[in-house]
ModelCIF file with pLDDT and N, C-alpha, C, O atoms, coordinates in Angstrom:
data_MODEL
#
_entry.id   MODEL 
#
_entity.id                         1 
_entity.type                       polymer 
_entity.pdbx_number_of_molecules   1 
#
_entity_poly.entity_id                      1 
_entity_poly.type                           'polypeptide(L)' 
_entity_poly.nstd_linkage                   no 
_entity_poly.nstd_monomer                   no 
_entity_poly.pdbx_seq_one_letter_code       TYINMLQAAIAGQGVGLAGNPLVDPYLADGSLIRV 
_entity_poly.pdbx_seq_one_letter_code_can   TYINMLQAAIAGQGVGLAGNPLVDPYLADGSLIRV 
_entity_poly.pdbx_strand_id                 A 
#
loop_
_entity_poly_seq.entity_id 
_entity_poly_seq.num 
_entity_poly_seq.mon_id 
_entity_poly_seq.hetero 
1 1  THR n 
1 2  TYR n 
1 3  ILE n 
1 4  ASN n 
1 5  MET n 
1 6  LEU n 
1 7  GLN n 
1 8  ALA n 
1 9  ALA n 
1 10 ILE n 
1 11 ALA n 
1 12 GLY n 
1 13 GLN n 
1 14 GLY n 
1 15 VAL n 
1 16 GLY n 
1 17 LEU n 
1 18 ALA n 
1 19 GLY n 
1 20 ASN n 
1 21 PRO n 
1 22 LEU n 
1 23 VAL n 
1 24 ASP n 
1 25 PRO n 
1 26 TYR n 
1 27 LEU n 
1 28 ALA n 
1 29 ASP n 
1 30 GLY n 
1 31 SER n 
1 32 LEU n 
1 33 ILE n 
1 34 ARG n 
1 35 VAL n 
#
_struct_asym.id          A 
_struct_asym.entity_id   1 
#
loop_
_ma_qa_metric.id 
_ma_qa_metric.mode 
_ma_qa_metric.name 
_ma_qa_metric.software_group_id 
_ma_qa_metric.type 
1 global pLDDT . pLDDT 
2 local  pLDDT . pLDDT 
#
_ma_qa_metric_global.metric_id      1 
_ma_qa_metric_global.metric_value   89.80 
_ma_qa_metric_global.model_id       1 
_ma_qa_metric_global.ordinal_id     1 
#
loop_
_ma_qa_metric_local.label_asym_id 
_ma_qa_metric_local.label_comp_id 
_ma_qa_metric_local.label_seq_id 
_ma_qa_metric_local.metric_id 
_ma_qa_metric_local.metric_value 
_ma_qa_metric_local.model_id 
_ma_qa_metric_local.ordinal_id 
A THR 1  2 84.00 1 1  
A TYR 2  2 84.00 1 2  
A ILE 3  2 84.00 1 3  
A ASN 4  2 88.00 1 4  
A MET 5  2 89.00 1 5  
A LEU 6  2 89.00 1 6  
A GLN 7  2 90.00 1 7  
A ALA 8  2 92.00 1 8  
A ALA 9  2 93.00 1 9  
A ILE 10 2 92.00 1 10 
A ALA 11 2 92.00 1 11 
A GLY 12 2 93.00 1 12 
A GLN 13 2 93.00 1 13 
A GLY 14 2 93.00 1 14 
A VAL 15 2 94.00 1 15 
A GLY 16 2 93.00 1 16 
A LEU 17 2 92.00 1 17 
A ALA 18 2 90.00 1 18 
A GLY 19 2 86.00 1 19 
A ASN 20 2 85.00 1 20 
A PRO 21 2 83.00 1 21 
A LEU 22 2 84.00 1 22 
A VAL 23 2 88.00 1 23 
A ASP 24 2 87.00 1 24 
A PRO 25 2 86.00 1 25 
A TYR 26 2 90.00 1 26 
A LEU 27 2 90.00 1 27 
A ALA 28 2 88.00 1 28 
A ASP 29 2 91.00 1 29 
A GLY 30 2 93.00 1 30 
A SER 31 2 93.00 1 31 
A LEU 32 2 94.00 1 32 
A ILE 33 2 93.00 1 33 
A ARG 34 2 94.00 1 34 
A VAL 35 2 93.00 1 35 
#
loop_
_atom_site.group_PDB 
_atom_site.id 
_atom_site.type_symbol 
_atom_site.label_atom_id 
_atom_site.label_alt_id 
_atom_site.label_comp_id 
_atom_site.label_asym_id 
_atom_site.label_entity_id 
_atom_site.label_seq_id 
_atom_site.pdbx_PDB_ins_code 
_atom_site.Cartn_x 
_atom_site.Cartn_y 
_atom_site.Cartn_z 
_atom_site.occupancy 
_atom_site.B_iso_or_equiv 
_atom_site.pdbx_formal_charge 
_atom_site.auth_seq_id 
_atom_site.auth_comp_id 
_atom_site.auth_asym_id 
_atom_site.auth_atom_id 
_atom_site.pdbx_PDB_model_num 
ATOM 1   N N  . THR A 1 1  ? -8.665  -19.749 0.383  1.00 84.00 ? 1  THR A N  1 
ATOM 2   C CA . THR A 1 1  ? -8.819  -18.930 0.098  1.00 84.00 ? 1  THR A CA 1 
ATOM 3   C C  . THR A 1 1  ? -9.694  -18.129 0.560  1.00 84.00 ? 1  THR A C  1 
ATOM 4   O O  . THR A 1 1  ? -10.866 -18.489 0.448  1.00 84.00 ? 1  THR A O  1 
ATOM 5   N N  . TYR A 1 2  ? -9.380  -16.692 1.275  1.00 84.00 ? 2  TYR A N  1 
ATOM 6   C CA . TYR A 1 2  ? -10.760 -15.802 1.426  1.00 84.00 ? 2  TYR A CA 1 
ATOM 7   C C  . TYR A 1 2  ? -11.493 -15.042 0.400  1.00 84.00 ? 2  TYR A C  1 
ATOM 8   O O  . TYR A 1 2  ? -12.683 -14.731 0.349  1.00 84.00 ? 2  TYR A O  1 
ATOM 9   N N  . ILE A 1 3  ? -10.056 -14.703 -0.785 1.00 84.00 ? 3  ILE A N  1 
ATOM 10  C CA . ILE A 1 3  ? -11.471 -14.472 -1.723 1.00 84.00 ? 3  ILE A CA 1 
ATOM 11  C C  . ILE A 1 3  ? -12.265 -15.670 -2.326 1.00 84.00 ? 3  ILE A C  1 
ATOM 12  O O  . ILE A 1 3  ? -13.291 -15.289 -2.889 1.00 84.00 ? 3  ILE A O  1 
ATOM 13  N N  . ASN A 1 4  ? -12.106 -16.744 -2.351 1.00 88.00 ? 4  ASN A N  1 
ATOM 14  C CA . ASN A 1 4  ? -12.746 -17.633 -2.745 1.00 88.00 ? 4  ASN A CA 1 
ATOM 15  C C  . ASN A 1 4  ? -14.274 -17.964 -1.817 1.00 88.00 ? 4  ASN A C  1 
ATOM 16  O O  . ASN A 1 4  ? -15.399 -18.244 -2.230 1.00 88.00 ? 4  ASN A O  1 
ATOM 17  N N  . MET A 1 5  ? -13.860 -17.830 -0.728 1.00 89.00 ? 5  MET A N  1 
ATOM 18  C CA . MET A 1 5  ? -14.790 -17.886 0.525  1.00 89.00 ? 5  MET A CA 1 
ATOM 19  C C  . MET A 1 5  ? -15.854 -16.737 0.031  1.00 89.00 ? 5  MET A C  1 
ATOM 20  O O  . MET A 1 5  ? -16.902 -17.041 -0.540 1.00 89.00 ? 5  MET A O  1 
ATOM 21  N N  . LEU A 1 6  ? -15.583 -15.781 0.229  1.00 89.00 ? 6  LEU A N  1 
ATOM 22  C CA . LEU A 1 6  ? -16.458 -14.220 0.214  1.00 89.00 ? 6  LEU A CA 1 
ATOM 23  C C  . LEU A 1 6  ? -17.006 -14.985 -1.504 1.00 89.00 ? 6  LEU A C  1 
ATOM 24  O O  . LEU A 1 6  ? -18.131 -15.480 -1.434 1.00 89.00 ? 6  LEU A O  1 
ATOM 25  N N  . GLN A 1 7  ? -16.581 -15.055 -2.390 1.00 90.00 ? 7  GLN A N  1 
ATOM 26  C CA . GLN A 1 7  ? -17.329 -15.187 -3.686 1.00 90.00 ? 7  GLN A CA 1 
ATOM 27  C C  . GLN A 1 7  ? -18.311 -16.339 -3.614 1.00 90.00 ? 7  GLN A C  1 
ATOM 28  O O  . GLN A 1 7  ? -19.356 -16.241 -4.256 1.00 90.00 ? 7  GLN A O  1 
ATOM 29  N N  . ALA A 1 8  ? -18.014 -17.677 -2.722 1.00 92.00 ? 8  ALA A N  1 
ATOM 30  C CA . ALA A 1 8  ? -19.059 -18.607 -2.835 1.00 92.00 ? 8  ALA A CA 1 
ATOM 31  C C  . ALA A 1 8  ? -20.239 -17.700 -1.910 1.00 92.00 ? 8  ALA A C  1 
ATOM 32  O O  . ALA A 1 8  ? -21.403 -17.563 -2.286 1.00 92.00 ? 8  ALA A O  1 
ATOM 33  N N  . ALA A 1 9  ? -19.800 -17.244 -0.907 1.00 93.00 ? 9  ALA A N  1 
ATOM 34  C CA . ALA A 1 9  ? -20.949 -16.383 -0.137 1.00 93.00 ? 9  ALA A CA 1 
ATOM 35  C C  . ALA A 1 9  ? -21.784 -15.696 -1.023 1.00 93.00 ? 9  ALA A C  1 
ATOM 36  O O  . ALA A 1 9  ? -22.995 -15.493 -0.939 1.00 93.00 ? 9  ALA A O  1 
ATOM 37  N N  . ILE A 1 10 ? -21.305 -15.498 -1.538 1.00 92.00 ? 10 ILE A N  1 
ATOM 38  C CA . ILE A 1 10 ? -22.016 -13.909 -2.497 1.00 92.00 ? 10 ILE A CA 1 
ATOM 39  C C  . ILE A 1 10 ? -22.862 -14.541 -3.420 1.00 92.00 ? 10 ILE A C  1 
ATOM 40  O O  . ILE A 1 10 ? -23.990 -14.111 -3.659 1.00 92.00 ? 10 ILE A O  1 
ATOM 41  N N  . ALA A 1 11 ? -22.266 -15.780 -4.083 1.00 92.00 ? 11 ALA A N  1 
ATOM 42  C CA . ALA A 1 11 ? -22.669 -16.711 -4.879 1.00 92.00 ? 11 ALA A CA 1 
ATOM 43  C C  . ALA A 1 11 ? -24.394 -17.600 -4.209 1.00 92.00 ? 11 ALA A C  1 
ATOM 44  O O  . ALA A 1 11 ? -25.240 -18.142 -4.920 1.00 92.00 ? 11 ALA A O  1 
ATOM 45  N N  . GLY A 1 12 ? -24.413 -17.460 -2.753 1.00 93.00 ? 12 GLY A N  1 
ATOM 46  C CA . GLY A 1 12 ? -25.537 -17.997 -2.037 1.00 93.00 ? 12 GLY A CA 1 
ATOM 47  C C  . GLY A 1 12 ? -25.161 -19.607 -2.134 1.00 93.00 ? 12 GLY A C  1 
ATOM 48  O O  . GLY A 1 12 ? -25.971 -20.402 -2.613 1.00 93.00 ? 12 GLY A O  1 
ATOM 49  N N  . GLN A 1 13 ? -23.957 -19.993 -1.676 1.00 93.00 ? 13 GLN A N  1 
ATOM 50  C CA . GLN A 1 13 ? -23.823 -21.297 -1.527 1.00 93.00 ? 13 GLN A CA 1 
ATOM 51  C C  . GLN A 1 13 ? -23.243 -21.784 0.054  1.00 93.00 ? 13 GLN A C  1 
ATOM 52  O O  . GLN A 1 13 ? -22.648 -22.819 0.356  1.00 93.00 ? 13 GLN A O  1 
ATOM 53  N N  . GLY A 1 14 ? -23.624 -20.720 0.850  1.00 93.00 ? 14 GLY A N  1 
ATOM 54  C CA . GLY A 1 14 ? -23.934 -20.880 1.800  1.00 93.00 ? 14 GLY A CA 1 
ATOM 55  C C  . GLY A 1 14 ? -23.257 -19.417 3.167  1.00 93.00 ? 14 GLY A C  1 
ATOM 56  O O  . GLY A 1 14 ? -23.025 -18.273 2.777  1.00 93.00 ? 14 GLY A O  1 
ATOM 57  N N  . VAL A 1 15 ? -23.078 -19.827 4.595  1.00 94.00 ? 15 VAL A N  1 
ATOM 58  C CA . VAL A 1 15 ? -22.937 -18.619 5.208  1.00 94.00 ? 15 VAL A CA 1 
ATOM 59  C C  . VAL A 1 15 ? -20.966 -18.554 5.236  1.00 94.00 ? 15 VAL A C  1 
ATOM 60  O O  . VAL A 1 15 ? -19.987 -19.279 5.415  1.00 94.00 ? 15 VAL A O  1 
ATOM 61  N N  . GLY A 1 16 ? -21.140 -17.913 5.091  1.00 93.00 ? 16 GLY A N  1 
ATOM 62  C CA . GLY A 1 16 ? -19.611 -16.901 5.473  1.00 93.00 ? 16 GLY A CA 1 
ATOM 63  C C  . GLY A 1 16 ? -19.354 -15.757 6.606  1.00 93.00 ? 16 GLY A C  1 
ATOM 64  O O  . GLY A 1 16 ? -19.821 -14.655 6.892  1.00 93.00 ? 16 GLY A O  1 
ATOM 65  N N  . LEU A 1 17 ? -17.999 -16.951 7.254  1.00 92.00 ? 17 LEU A N  1 
ATOM 66  C CA . LEU A 1 17 ? -17.259 -15.748 8.269  1.00 92.00 ? 17 LEU A CA 1 
ATOM 67  C C  . LEU A 1 17 ? -16.469 -14.690 7.740  1.00 92.00 ? 17 LEU A C  1 
ATOM 68  O O  . LEU A 1 17 ? -15.259 -14.909 7.774  1.00 92.00 ? 17 LEU A O  1 
ATOM 69  N N  . ALA A 1 18 ? -16.827 -13.611 7.267  1.00 90.00 ? 18 ALA A N  1 
ATOM 70  C CA . ALA A 1 18 ? -15.985 -12.687 6.990  1.00 90.00 ? 18 ALA A CA 1 
ATOM 71  C C  . ALA A 1 18 ? -15.651 -11.411 7.882  1.00 90.00 ? 18 ALA A C  1 
ATOM 72  O O  . ALA A 1 18 ? -16.172 -11.480 8.995  1.00 90.00 ? 18 ALA A O  1 
ATOM 73  N N  . GLY A 1 19 ? -15.119 -10.595 7.718  1.00 86.00 ? 19 GLY A N  1 
ATOM 74  C CA . GLY A 1 19 ? -14.962 -9.228  8.793  1.00 86.00 ? 19 GLY A CA 1 
ATOM 75  C C  . GLY A 1 19 ? -14.382 -7.707  7.631  1.00 86.00 ? 19 GLY A C  1 
ATOM 76  O O  . GLY A 1 19 ? -13.864 -7.440  6.547  1.00 86.00 ? 19 GLY A O  1 
ATOM 77  N N  . ASN A 1 20 ? -14.866 -7.208  8.677  1.00 85.00 ? 20 ASN A N  1 
ATOM 78  C CA . ASN A 1 20 ? -14.616 -5.572  7.950  1.00 85.00 ? 20 ASN A CA 1 
ATOM 79  C C  . ASN A 1 20 ? -12.963 -5.078  8.387  1.00 85.00 ? 20 ASN A C  1 
ATOM 80  O O  . ASN A 1 20 ? -12.254 -5.261  9.377  1.00 85.00 ? 20 ASN A O  1 
ATOM 81  N N  . PRO A 1 21 ? -12.846 -4.563  7.446  1.00 83.00 ? 21 PRO A N  1 
ATOM 82  C CA . PRO A 1 21 ? -12.961 -3.657  6.615  1.00 83.00 ? 21 PRO A CA 1 
ATOM 83  C C  . PRO A 1 21 ? -13.173 -4.403  4.985  1.00 83.00 ? 21 PRO A C  1 
ATOM 84  O O  . PRO A 1 21 ? -13.410 -3.606  4.078  1.00 83.00 ? 21 PRO A O  1 
ATOM 85  N N  . LEU A 1 22 ? -13.088 -5.931  4.618  1.00 84.00 ? 22 LEU A N  1 
ATOM 86  C CA . LEU A 1 22 ? -12.996 -6.181  3.348  1.00 84.00 ? 22 LEU A CA 1 
ATOM 87  C C  . LEU A 1 22 ? -14.283 -6.277  3.179  1.00 84.00 ? 22 LEU A C  1 
ATOM 88  O O  . LEU A 1 22 ? -14.523 -5.942  2.019  1.00 84.00 ? 22 LEU A O  1 
ATOM 89  N N  . VAL A 1 23 ? -15.434 -6.620  3.848  1.00 88.00 ? 23 VAL A N  1 
ATOM 90  C CA . VAL A 1 23 ? -16.499 -6.907  3.398  1.00 88.00 ? 23 VAL A CA 1 
ATOM 91  C C  . VAL A 1 23 ? -17.518 -5.902  3.297  1.00 88.00 ? 23 VAL A C  1 
ATOM 92  O O  . VAL A 1 23 ? -18.564 -6.065  2.670  1.00 88.00 ? 23 VAL A O  1 
ATOM 93  N N  . ASP A 1 24 ? -17.223 -4.926  3.881  1.00 87.00 ? 24 ASP A N  1 
ATOM 94  C CA . ASP A 1 24 ? -17.984 -3.542  3.548  1.00 87.00 ? 24 ASP A CA 1 
ATOM 95  C C  . ASP A 1 24 ? -18.483 -3.191  2.201  1.00 87.00 ? 24 ASP A C  1 
ATOM 96  O O  . ASP A 1 24 ? -19.611 -2.713  2.078  1.00 87.00 ? 24 ASP A O  1 
ATOM 97  N N  . PRO A 1 25 ? -17.658 -3.412  1.110  1.00 86.00 ? 25 PRO A N  1 
ATOM 98  C CA . PRO A 1 25 ? -18.607 -2.831  0.351  1.00 86.00 ? 25 PRO A CA 1 
ATOM 99  C C  . PRO A 1 25 ? -19.791 -3.631  -0.288 1.00 86.00 ? 25 PRO A C  1 
ATOM 100 O O  . PRO A 1 25 ? -20.709 -3.035  -0.851 1.00 86.00 ? 25 PRO A O  1 
ATOM 101 N N  . TYR A 1 26 ? -19.745 -5.127  -0.180 1.00 90.00 ? 26 TYR A N  1 
ATOM 102 C CA . TYR A 1 26 ? -20.875 -5.835  -0.086 1.00 90.00 ? 26 TYR A CA 1 
ATOM 103 C C  . TYR A 1 26 ? -21.912 -6.124  1.090  1.00 90.00 ? 26 TYR A C  1 
ATOM 104 O O  . TYR A 1 26 ? -22.988 -6.724  1.079  1.00 90.00 ? 26 TYR A O  1 
ATOM 105 N N  . LEU A 1 27 ? -21.288 -5.558  1.992  1.00 90.00 ? 27 LEU A N  1 
ATOM 106 C CA . LEU A 1 27 ? -22.533 -5.566  3.107  1.00 90.00 ? 27 LEU A CA 1 
ATOM 107 C C  . LEU A 1 27 ? -23.131 -3.577  2.389  1.00 90.00 ? 27 LEU A C  1 
ATOM 108 O O  . LEU A 1 27 ? -24.349 -3.405  2.435  1.00 90.00 ? 27 LEU A O  1 
ATOM 109 N N  . ALA A 1 28 ? -22.477 -2.636  1.961  1.00 88.00 ? 28 ALA A N  1 
ATOM 110 C CA . ALA A 1 28 ? -22.926 -1.622  1.004  1.00 88.00 ? 28 ALA A CA 1 
ATOM 111 C C  . ALA A 1 28 ? -24.132 -1.937  0.030  1.00 88.00 ? 28 ALA A C  1 
ATOM 112 O O  . ALA A 1 28 ? -25.304 -1.564  -0.024 1.00 88.00 ? 28 ALA A O  1 
ATOM 113 N N  . ASP A 1 29 ? -23.404 -2.714  -0.651 1.00 91.00 ? 29 ASP A N  1 
ATOM 114 C CA . ASP A 1 29 ? -24.358 -3.045  -2.131 1.00 91.00 ? 29 ASP A CA 1 
ATOM 115 C C  . ASP A 1 29 ? -25.655 -4.355  -1.848 1.00 91.00 ? 29 ASP A C  1 
ATOM 116 O O  . ASP A 1 29 ? -26.229 -4.995  -2.729 1.00 91.00 ? 29 ASP A O  1 
ATOM 117 N N  . GLY A 1 30 ? -25.779 -4.425  -0.920 1.00 93.00 ? 30 GLY A N  1 
ATOM 118 C CA . GLY A 1 30 ? -26.793 -5.637  -0.844 1.00 93.00 ? 30 GLY A CA 1 
ATOM 119 C C  . GLY A 1 30 ? -26.069 -7.159  -1.107 1.00 93.00 ? 30 GLY A C  1 
ATOM 120 O O  . GLY A 1 30 ? -26.760 -8.160  -0.917 1.00 93.00 ? 30 GLY A O  1 
ATOM 121 N N  . SER A 1 31 ? -24.954 -7.266  -1.456 1.00 93.00 ? 31 SER A N  1 
ATOM 122 C CA . SER A 1 31 ? -24.074 -8.386  -1.958 1.00 93.00 ? 31 SER A CA 1 
ATOM 123 C C  . SER A 1 31 ? -24.702 -9.283  -0.693 1.00 93.00 ? 31 SER A C  1 
ATOM 124 O O  . SER A 1 31 ? -25.586 -10.138 -0.750 1.00 93.00 ? 31 SER A O  1 
ATOM 125 N N  . LEU A 1 32 ? -24.097 -8.896  0.245  1.00 94.00 ? 32 LEU A N  1 
ATOM 126 C CA . LEU A 1 32 ? -24.072 -9.466  1.718  1.00 94.00 ? 32 LEU A CA 1 
ATOM 127 C C  . LEU A 1 32 ? -24.742 -8.748  2.656  1.00 94.00 ? 32 LEU A C  1 
ATOM 128 O O  . LEU A 1 32 ? -24.746 -7.520  2.743  1.00 94.00 ? 32 LEU A O  1 
ATOM 129 N N  . ILE A 1 33 ? -25.508 -9.790  3.603  1.00 93.00 ? 33 ILE A N  1 
ATOM 130 C CA . ILE A 1 33 ? -25.783 -8.958  4.537  1.00 93.00 ? 33 ILE A CA 1 
ATOM 131 C C  . ILE A 1 33 ? -25.535 -9.980  5.464  1.00 93.00 ? 33 ILE A C  1 
ATOM 132 O O  . ILE A 1 33 ? -25.299 -11.175 5.284  1.00 93.00 ? 33 ILE A O  1 
ATOM 133 N N  . ARG A 1 34 ? -25.655 -9.124  6.766  1.00 94.00 ? 34 ARG A N  1 
ATOM 134 C CA . ARG A 1 34 ? -24.858 -9.432  8.401  1.00 94.00 ? 34 ARG A CA 1 
ATOM 135 C C  . ARG A 1 34 ? -26.034 -10.183 8.940  1.00 94.00 ? 34 ARG A C  1 
ATOM 136 O O  . ARG A 1 34 ? -27.104 -9.591  9.076  1.00 94.00 ? 34 ARG A O  1 
ATOM 137 N N  . VAL A 1 35 ? -25.873 -11.825 9.352  1.00 93.00 ? 35 VAL A N  1 
ATOM 138 C CA . VAL A 1 35 ? -27.092 -12.603 9.985  1.00 93.00 ? 35 VAL A CA 1 
ATOM 139 C C  . VAL A 1 35 ? -27.154 -11.915 11.130 1.00 93.00 ? 35 VAL A C  1 
ATOM 140 O O  . VAL A 1 35 ? -28.006 -12.197 11.973 1.00 93.00 ? 35 VAL A O  1 
#
């Protein structure tokens, strides 16, 4: 699931392939950064 993938990325388990607009809140608060 996309939700599990994002949560795994936030937890530092690996690099995720994500898309805006869904990932935008985590980019804004620094939980995730673009490579």
